[in-house]
Every structure is written in C-alpha cells, then in structure tokens.
Amino acid sequence: MQKLTIVALIAGAALSANIPLKKKELTRANLEKQRAAYKNGKFLDNGLNADLPVKDYMNTQYFVDVQVGTPAQTFTVVPDTGSSNLWIYSSSCYAIPCWYHDTYNSAKSSTFQKNGEAFGITYGSGSISGTVSNDVAVLGETTVSNFGFGEVTSVSGLSFYASDMSGILGLAYGTISVDKLPTFIDASPLTDKSFAFYLHSNPDKSFMTLPGFEESAKNGDF
C-alpha cells in the first residue's frame, strides 16, 4: 500500500497529539451540486456531508477540525503551510459559499473580543476579506486564548464554492502573516513548535501531529 510521509520541522521533535485529517474530492461535479443547490434555494443541502465516509481521490484535499469560541464552534479547515493566518466564514457573510458552510457566530461565544481591523488575503484561486476577531481557538489538544483570526464576510473564487472547507488554518512563518497577527503555532503555549503530516493512501489513517512527529513514520513504516 502506497504511503507518503511529509514532515514539517520548525524545532526538535517531542511527544505529540495526533489530529485526524479528512480528505475530500474536489471535482466539477461537486461544483455543479453547489450551483444547483443555490438555484433551488437549498443552500444547506450540498450533498457533501463531512460525516460520511471519505474517498481517496488523487490526494487532492485534506482537512482538520478547529474549534473557536466558548462554547466551541467547530469548523473544517485546510491546514495550509503556504499561509500564516486562521480565517473562517462569518455568520455576517452573505457570499454564496457562506450559505452552505459552517459560519462563526460571535454573539454565541462568551470569549469573543471585538477587534474590527480590516482583514484580507488573495490566493492563486481567489480571495477573501472581512475583519479581525479575537477568541479562543483549539487544534487537537492545543488551546490558544484571545487568538486573532479573520472573520470573513466576502468571498471570491470558484474553489471556495466547490470545497467543503469553512476556512483555512495557516501554518507558515509569521513573517508572511496578514496584519502581522501571531500564527496559531507561535501563539500556542507549546515549547516545541514543530508539526508533521502523515498522508496515507487510506484516508482514515492520515493525520497531523502537533507538536513533533511520529518516529515510526519516518521510514514509511507507521
């Protein structure tokens, strides 16, 4: 069985928590389902339920769950090593992708703190914009209090329509962070800032470790 190990090391290895990765197919058929749902007014019936068994489709998309707020609101996000900010769709967003994805509602969080600074990122596949908000953010067993993230109210780009993601978790260095906001890794209380991804041909066996990496996975033996 084909196995692929990708390890991103920022510091030394340490005992770590495994964070499940979800894989989802990104196809024209999915995009057409989203368009059909929009035309029929069935904005919440996108046929892409993340609770259903996932299929391995050319290793195109992987997701992790991030919790934001108190009580926690859970969001399926892309762990992105090419950007440095966390952003999620806002309940105040009226762009079409926000109608059928999970959105963050600050009014339902007792730990929300308003910031209001303008926030925006342009990717190769589109762009998002909104404002900065602060709240508790949790990834796996790591919690960051009063974390600054993008609460997105505007979306542009077809990839956002077809994808199951409700946001992106940037894992790159803070030097490219929008508005110089601390990254989740840098803001975390972890002394070891390393992390790793283990991508398996069986999507149920794919996971992220934070901090450190699985020693047994280095040679593809995990």
C-alpha atoms as a PDB file:
ATOM      1  CA  MET A   1       0.000   0.000   0.000  1.00  0.00           C
ATOM      2  CA  GLN A   2       1.361   3.345  -1.013  1.00  0.00           C
ATOM      3  CA  LYS A   3       2.397   5.569   1.861  1.00  0.00           C
ATOM      4  CA  LEU A   4       3.682   9.115   1.867  1.00  0.00           C
ATOM      5  CA  THR A   5       5.217  10.883   4.832  1.00  0.00           C
ATOM      6  CA  ILE A   6       5.550  14.662   4.888  1.00  0.00           C
ATOM      7  CA  VAL A   7       7.293  16.162   7.891  1.00  0.00           C
ATOM      8  CA  ALA A   8       7.474  19.891   8.615  1.00  0.00           C
ATOM      9  CA  LEU A   9      10.019  20.585  11.355  1.00  0.00           C
ATOM     10  CA  ILE A  10      10.370  24.012  12.933  1.00  0.00           C
ATOM     11  CA  ALA A  11      12.114  22.765  16.076  1.00  0.00           C
ATOM     12  CA  GLY A  12      13.033  19.442  17.705  1.00  0.00           C
ATOM     13  CA  ALA A  13      10.602  16.525  17.986  1.00  0.00           C
ATOM     14  CA  ALA A  14       8.530  15.934  21.132  1.00  0.00           C
ATOM     15  CA  LEU A  15       5.601  13.915  22.391  1.00  0.00           C
ATOM     16  CA  SER A  16       2.671  14.890  20.245  1.00  0.00           C
ATOM     17  CA  ALA A  17      -1.051  14.573  19.734  1.00  0.00           C
ATOM     18  CA  ASN A  18      -2.454  13.042  16.548  1.00  0.00           C
ATOM     19  CA  ILE A  19      -5.058  15.203  14.812  1.00  0.00           C
ATOM     20  CA  PRO A  20      -7.246  13.374  12.252  1.00  0.00           C
ATOM     21  CA  LEU A  21      -7.117  14.558   8.654  1.00  0.00           C
ATOM     22  CA  LYS A  22     -10.174  14.432   6.394  1.00  0.00           C
ATOM     23  CA  LYS A  23      -9.842  14.037   2.660  1.00  0.00           C
ATOM     24  CA  LYS A  24     -12.489  15.352   0.245  1.00  0.00           C
ATOM     25  CA  GLU A  25     -12.850  15.147  -3.516  1.00  0.00           C
ATOM     26  CA  LEU A  26     -12.711  18.432  -5.439  1.00  0.00           C
ATOM     27  CA  THR A  27     -14.453  17.939  -8.797  1.00  0.00           C
ATOM     28  CA  ARG A  28     -16.592  19.746 -11.335  1.00  0.00           C
ATOM     29  CA  ALA A  29     -19.490  17.531 -10.229  1.00  0.00           C
ATOM     30  CA  ASN A  30     -19.261  18.948  -6.696  1.00  0.00           C
ATOM     31  CA  LEU A  31     -19.284  22.488  -8.035  1.00  0.00           C
ATOM     32  CA  GLU A  32     -22.383  21.738 -10.102  1.00  0.00           C
ATOM     33  CA  LYS A  33     -24.126  20.393  -6.980  1.00  0.00           C
ATOM     34  CA  GLN A  34     -23.397  23.668  -5.211  1.00  0.00           C
ATOM     35  CA  ARG A  35     -24.764  25.691  -8.131  1.00  0.00           C
ATOM     36  CA  ALA A  36     -27.891  23.539  -8.314  1.00  0.00           C
ATOM     37  CA  ALA A  37     -28.481  23.974  -4.572  1.00  0.00           C
ATOM     38  CA  TYR A  38     -28.161  27.734  -4.988  1.00  0.00           C
ATOM     39  CA  LYS A  39     -30.635  27.835  -7.860  1.00  0.00           C
ATOM     40  CA  ASN A  40     -33.146  25.684  -5.973  1.00  0.00           C
ATOM     41  CA  GLY A  41     -32.810  27.672  -2.760  1.00  0.00           C
ATOM     42  CA  LYS A  42     -31.478  24.635  -0.898  1.00  0.00           C
ATOM     43  CA  PHE A  43     -28.385  26.342   0.402  1.00  0.00           C
ATOM     44  CA  LEU A  44     -27.786  23.872   3.214  1.00  0.00           C
ATOM     45  CA  ASP A  45     -28.264  20.713   1.162  1.00  0.00           C
ATOM     46  CA  ASN A  46     -24.907  20.492  -0.573  1.00  0.00           C
ATOM     47  CA  GLY A  47     -24.581  16.697  -0.554  1.00  0.00           C
ATOM     48  CA  LEU A  48     -21.063  16.936   0.871  1.00  0.00           C
ATOM     49  CA  ASN A  49     -21.572  15.826   4.456  1.00  0.00           C
ATOM     50  CA  ALA A  50     -18.214  15.549   6.203  1.00  0.00           C
ATOM     51  CA  ASP A  51     -19.635  12.834   8.467  1.00  0.00           C
ATOM     52  CA  LEU A  52     -19.919  10.429   5.535  1.00  0.00           C
ATOM     53  CA  PRO A  53     -17.027   8.088   4.684  1.00  0.00           C
ATOM     54  CA  VAL A  54     -14.489   9.919   2.540  1.00  0.00           C
ATOM     55  CA  LYS A  55     -12.915   8.633  -0.661  1.00  0.00           C
ATOM     56  CA  ASP A  56      -9.325   8.872  -1.789  1.00  0.00           C
ATOM     57  CA  TYR A  57      -9.436  10.996  -4.927  1.00  0.00           C
ATOM     58  CA  MET A  58      -5.907  11.669  -6.208  1.00  0.00           C
ATOM     59  CA  ASN A  59      -4.911  13.081  -2.798  1.00  0.00           C
ATOM     60  CA  THR A  60      -6.472  16.452  -3.674  1.00  0.00           C
ATOM     61  CA  GLN A  61      -7.835  17.814  -0.411  1.00  0.00           C
ATOM     62  CA  TYR A  62      -7.183  17.301   3.297  1.00  0.00           C
ATOM     63  CA  PHE A  63      -8.907  18.961   6.258  1.00  0.00           C
ATOM     64  CA  VAL A  64      -8.616  19.272  10.040  1.00  0.00           C
ATOM     65  CA  ASP A  65     -11.186  20.443  12.583  1.00  0.00           C
ATOM     66  CA  VAL A  66     -10.614  23.658  14.542  1.00  0.00           C
ATOM     67  CA  GLN A  67     -12.790  24.778  17.463  1.00  0.00           C
ATOM     68  CA  VAL A  68     -13.359  28.510  18.010  1.00  0.00           C
ATOM     69  CA  GLY A  69     -15.278  30.248  20.793  1.00  0.00           C
ATOM     70  CA  THR A  70     -16.976  29.285  24.085  1.00  0.00           C
ATOM     71  CA  PRO A  71     -18.874  27.013  23.806  1.00  0.00           C
ATOM     72  CA  ALA A  72     -16.815  25.647  20.957  1.00  0.00           C
ATOM     73  CA  GLN A  73     -17.945  26.101  17.355  1.00  0.00           C
ATOM     74  CA  THR A  74     -16.301  23.515  15.089  1.00  0.00           C
ATOM     75  CA  PHE A  75     -15.000  24.300  11.609  1.00  0.00           C
ATOM     76  CA  THR A  76     -13.486  22.131   8.891  1.00  0.00           C
ATOM     77  CA  VAL A  77     -10.404  23.970   7.632  1.00  0.00           C
ATOM     78  CA  VAL A  78      -7.497  23.393   5.287  1.00  0.00           C
ATOM     79  CA  PRO A  79      -4.129  23.184   7.092  1.00  0.00           C
ATOM     80  CA  ASP A  80      -2.033  25.390   4.801  1.00  0.00           C
ATOM     81  CA  THR A  81       1.762  25.577   5.003  1.00  0.00           C
ATOM     82  CA  GLY A  82       1.775  28.390   2.424  1.00  0.00           C
ATOM     83  CA  SER A  83      -0.061  30.999   4.524  1.00  0.00           C
ATOM     84  CA  SER A  84       0.016  32.078   8.160  1.00  0.00           C
ATOM     85  CA  ASN A  85      -3.466  33.138   9.276  1.00  0.00           C
ATOM     86  CA  LEU A  86      -6.551  31.390  10.529  1.00  0.00           C
ATOM     87  CA  TRP A  87      -9.766  32.580   8.903  1.00  0.00           C
ATOM     88  CA  ILE A  88     -13.306  31.232   8.971  1.00  0.00           C
ATOM     89  CA  TYR A  89     -16.599  32.257   7.423  1.00  0.00           C
ATOM     90  CA  SER A  90     -18.656  34.696   9.500  1.00  0.00           C
ATOM     91  CA  SER A  91     -22.376  34.419  10.232  1.00  0.00           C
ATOM     92  CA  SER A  92     -22.462  38.007   8.890  1.00  0.00           C
ATOM     93  CA  CYS A  93     -21.258  36.826   5.482  1.00  0.00           C
ATOM     94  CA  TYR A  94     -23.771  36.879   2.625  1.00  0.00           C
ATOM     95  CA  ALA A  95     -21.497  35.478  -0.102  1.00  0.00           C
ATOM     96  CA  ILE A  96     -22.907  32.260  -1.568  1.00  0.00           C
ATOM     97  CA  PRO A  97     -20.269  29.874  -0.063  1.00  0.00           C
ATOM     98  CA  CYS A  98     -21.200  31.132   3.412  1.00  0.00           C
ATOM     99  CA  TRP A  99     -24.793  29.927   2.911  1.00  0.00           C
ATOM    100  CA  TYR A 100     -23.861  26.243   2.887  1.00  0.00           C
ATOM    101  CA  HIS A 101     -20.751  26.147   5.102  1.00  0.00           C
ATOM    102  CA  ASP A 102     -20.392  26.416   8.873  1.00  0.00           C
ATOM    103  CA  THR A 103     -20.041  30.036   9.987  1.00  0.00           C
ATOM    104  CA  TYR A 104     -18.711  31.637  13.156  1.00  0.00           C
ATOM    105  CA  ASN A 105     -21.267  33.479  15.293  1.00  0.00           C
ATOM    106  CA  SER A 106     -19.505  35.823  17.710  1.00  0.00           C
ATOM    107  CA  ALA A 107     -22.770  36.508  19.560  1.00  0.00           C
ATOM    108  CA  LYS A 108     -22.802  32.871  20.710  1.00  0.00           C
ATOM    109  CA  SER A 109     -19.298  32.991  22.223  1.00  0.00           C
ATOM    110  CA  SER A 110     -18.668  34.285  25.736  1.00  0.00           C
ATOM    111  CA  THR A 111     -14.931  34.649  25.000  1.00  0.00           C
ATOM    112  CA  PHE A 112     -15.279  36.725  21.815  1.00  0.00           C
ATOM    113  CA  GLN A 113     -13.431  40.048  21.786  1.00  0.00           C
ATOM    114  CA  LYS A 114     -14.062  42.560  19.026  1.00  0.00           C
ATOM    115  CA  ASN A 115     -11.083  43.839  17.062  1.00  0.00           C
ATOM    116  CA  GLY A 116     -12.511  45.153  13.794  1.00  0.00           C
ATOM    117  CA  GLU A 117      -9.258  45.648  11.883  1.00  0.00           C
ATOM    118  CA  ALA A 118      -9.594  45.042   8.138  1.00  0.00           C
ATOM    119  CA  PHE A 119      -8.504  41.560   7.016  1.00  0.00           C
ATOM    120  CA  GLY A 120      -7.964  40.157   3.523  1.00  0.00           C
ATOM    121  CA  ILE A 121      -5.934  37.545   1.645  1.00  0.00           C
ATOM    122  CA  THR A 122      -5.565  36.901  -2.092  1.00  0.00           C
ATOM    123  CA  TYR A 123      -4.716  33.338  -3.101  1.00  0.00           C
ATOM    124  CA  GLY A 124      -3.981  31.972  -6.552  1.00  0.00           C
ATOM    125  CA  SER A 125      -7.514  30.554  -6.618  1.00  0.00           C
ATOM    126  CA  GLY A 126      -9.415  33.552  -5.251  1.00  0.00           C
ATOM    127  CA  SER A 127      -9.659  35.988  -2.365  1.00  0.00           C
ATOM    128  CA  ILE A 128     -11.395  36.553   0.954  1.00  0.00           C
ATOM    129  CA  SER A 129     -11.922  39.617   3.133  1.00  0.00           C
ATOM    130  CA  GLY A 130     -13.503  40.635   6.403  1.00  0.00           C
ATOM    131  CA  THR A 131     -12.323  41.820   9.800  1.00  0.00           C
ATOM    132  CA  VAL A 132     -10.117  40.555  12.609  1.00  0.00           C
ATOM    133  CA  SER A 133     -11.792  38.998  15.656  1.00  0.00           C
ATOM    134  CA  ASN A 134     -10.322  37.502  18.827  1.00  0.00           C
ATOM    135  CA  ASP A 135     -11.483  34.337  20.550  1.00  0.00           C
ATOM    136  CA  VAL A 136     -10.319  31.005  21.946  1.00  0.00           C
ATOM    137  CA  ALA A 137      -9.023  28.644  19.239  1.00  0.00           C
ATOM    138  CA  VAL A 138      -8.321  24.929  19.678  1.00  0.00           C
ATOM    139  CA  LEU A 139      -6.493  22.495  17.384  1.00  0.00           C
ATOM    140  CA  GLY A 140      -6.218  18.946  18.701  1.00  0.00           C
ATOM    141  CA  GLU A 141      -5.131  19.297  22.318  1.00  0.00           C
ATOM    142  CA  THR A 142      -3.605  22.765  21.857  1.00  0.00           C
ATOM    143  CA  THR A 143      -5.550  25.828  23.001  1.00  0.00           C
ATOM    144  CA  VAL A 144      -4.763  29.485  22.270  1.00  0.00           C
ATOM    145  CA  SER A 145      -6.697  32.149  24.174  1.00  0.00           C
ATOM    146  CA  ASN A 146      -7.603  35.555  22.722  1.00  0.00           C
ATOM    147  CA  PHE A 147      -6.369  34.463  19.299  1.00  0.00           C
ATOM    148  CA  GLY A 148      -6.637  36.898  16.377  1.00  0.00           C
ATOM    149  CA  PHE A 149      -8.219  35.403  13.262  1.00  0.00           C
ATOM    150  CA  GLY A 150     -10.041  36.551  10.140  1.00  0.00           C
ATOM    151  CA  GLU A 151     -13.845  36.597  10.328  1.00  0.00           C
ATOM    152  CA  VAL A 152     -14.628  36.503   6.606  1.00  0.00           C
ATOM    153  CA  THR A 153     -17.622  38.328   5.122  1.00  0.00           C
ATOM    154  CA  SER A 154     -16.665  38.414   1.413  1.00  0.00           C
ATOM    155  CA  VAL A 155     -15.528  35.570  -0.873  1.00  0.00           C
ATOM    156  CA  SER A 156     -14.347  35.465  -4.487  1.00  0.00           C
ATOM    157  CA  GLY A 157     -13.160  32.380  -6.383  1.00  0.00           C
ATOM    158  CA  LEU A 158     -14.716  29.128  -7.663  1.00  0.00           C
ATOM    159  CA  SER A 159     -12.573  26.936  -5.380  1.00  0.00           C
ATOM    160  CA  PHE A 160     -14.430  28.313  -2.347  1.00  0.00           C
ATOM    161  CA  TYR A 161     -17.750  27.264  -3.884  1.00  0.00           C
ATOM    162  CA  ALA A 162     -16.724  23.651  -4.511  1.00  0.00           C
ATOM    163  CA  SER A 163     -14.658  22.939  -1.395  1.00  0.00           C
ATOM    164  CA  ASP A 164     -16.018  21.615   1.903  1.00  0.00           C
ATOM    165  CA  MET A 165     -13.747  23.927   3.869  1.00  0.00           C
ATOM    166  CA  SER A 166     -15.152  26.596   6.174  1.00  0.00           C
ATOM    167  CA  GLY A 167     -11.787  28.330   6.372  1.00  0.00           C
ATOM    168  CA  ILE A 168      -8.011  27.954   6.268  1.00  0.00           C
ATOM    169  CA  LEU A 169      -5.502  27.428   9.070  1.00  0.00           C
ATOM    170  CA  GLY A 170      -2.176  28.992   8.050  1.00  0.00           C
ATOM    171  CA  LEU A 171       0.861  27.106   9.367  1.00  0.00           C
ATOM    172  CA  ALA A 172       3.675  29.069   7.712  1.00  0.00           C
ATOM    173  CA  TYR A 173       6.055  31.533   9.384  1.00  0.00           C
ATOM    174  CA  GLY A 174       4.783  34.732  10.958  1.00  0.00           C
ATOM    175  CA  THR A 175       6.782  36.879   8.545  1.00  0.00           C
ATOM    176  CA  ILE A 176       4.004  36.498   5.926  1.00  0.00           C
ATOM    177  CA  SER A 177       1.089  36.841   8.355  1.00  0.00           C
ATOM    178  CA  VAL A 178      -1.606  39.352   7.364  1.00  0.00           C
ATOM    179  CA  ASP A 179      -1.611  42.377   9.689  1.00  0.00           C
ATOM    180  CA  LYS A 180       1.321  40.699  11.495  1.00  0.00           C
ATOM    181  CA  LEU A 181      -1.126  38.655  13.558  1.00  0.00           C
ATOM    182  CA  PRO A 182       0.588  35.875  15.554  1.00  0.00           C
ATOM    183  CA  THR A 183       0.260  32.478  13.897  1.00  0.00           C
ATOM    184  CA  PHE A 184      -1.532  29.691  15.753  1.00  0.00           C
ATOM    185  CA  ILE A 185       1.756  27.822  16.208  1.00  0.00           C
ATOM    186  CA  ASP A 186       3.631  30.871  17.514  1.00  0.00           C
ATOM    187  CA  ALA A 187       0.757  31.892  19.819  1.00  0.00           C
ATOM    188  CA  SER A 188       0.410  28.397  21.262  1.00  0.00           C
ATOM    189  CA  PRO A 189       1.883  27.561  24.678  1.00  0.00           C
ATOM    190  CA  LEU A 190       3.918  24.744  23.108  1.00  0.00           C
ATOM    191  CA  THR A 191       7.664  24.911  23.645  1.00  0.00           C
ATOM    192  CA  ASP A 192       8.180  22.659  20.640  1.00  0.00           C
ATOM    193  CA  LYS A 193       6.771  24.481  17.613  1.00  0.00           C
ATOM    194  CA  SER A 194       7.181  21.563  15.198  1.00  0.00           C
ATOM    195  CA  PHE A 195       4.390  19.692  13.437  1.00  0.00           C
ATOM    196  CA  ALA A 196       4.033  16.961  10.844  1.00  0.00           C
ATOM    197  CA  PHE A 197       1.578  15.435   8.386  1.00  0.00           C
ATOM    198  CA  TYR A 198       1.270  11.733   7.654  1.00  0.00           C
ATOM    199  CA  LEU A 199      -0.685  11.185   4.427  1.00  0.00           C
ATOM    200  CA  HIS A 200      -1.745   7.593   3.797  1.00  0.00           C
ATOM    201  CA  SER A 201      -3.363   6.015   0.738  1.00  0.00           C
ATOM    202  CA  ASN A 202      -6.120   5.043   3.179  1.00  0.00           C
ATOM    203  CA  PRO A 203      -7.601   8.451   4.178  1.00  0.00           C
ATOM    204  CA  ASP A 204      -8.776   7.062   7.524  1.00  0.00           C
ATOM    205  CA  LYS A 205      -5.126   6.634   8.517  1.00  0.00           C
ATOM    206  CA  SER A 206      -3.999  10.153   7.628  1.00  0.00           C
ATOM    207  CA  PHE A 207      -3.256  12.522  10.492  1.00  0.00           C
ATOM    208  CA  MET A 208      -1.374  15.594  11.682  1.00  0.00           C
ATOM    209  CA  THR A 209       0.856  15.643  14.747  1.00  0.00           C
ATOM    210  CA  LEU A 210       1.325  18.718  16.948  1.00  0.00           C
ATOM    211  CA  PRO A 211       3.979  19.059  18.225  1.00  0.00           C
ATOM    212  CA  GLY A 212       6.645  16.751  16.819  1.00  0.00           C
ATOM    213  CA  PHE A 213       6.259  13.758  14.540  1.00  0.00           C
ATOM    214  CA  GLU A 214       5.753  10.016  14.693  1.00  0.00           C
ATOM    215  CA  GLU A 215       9.198   8.416  14.930  1.00  0.00           C
ATOM    216  CA  SER A 216       7.845   5.195  13.413  1.00  0.00           C
ATOM    217  CA  ALA A 217       6.551   7.083  10.351  1.00  0.00           C
ATOM    218  CA  LYS A 218       9.913   8.456   9.203  1.00  0.00           C
ATOM    219  CA  ASN A 219      10.622   5.436   7.007  1.00  0.00           C
ATOM    220  CA  GLY A 220       7.021   4.854   5.955  1.00  0.00           C
ATOM    221  CA  ASP A 221       6.539   2.038   8.468  1.00  0.00           C
ATOM    222  CA  PHE A 222       3.719   3.530  10.584  1.00  0.00           C
END
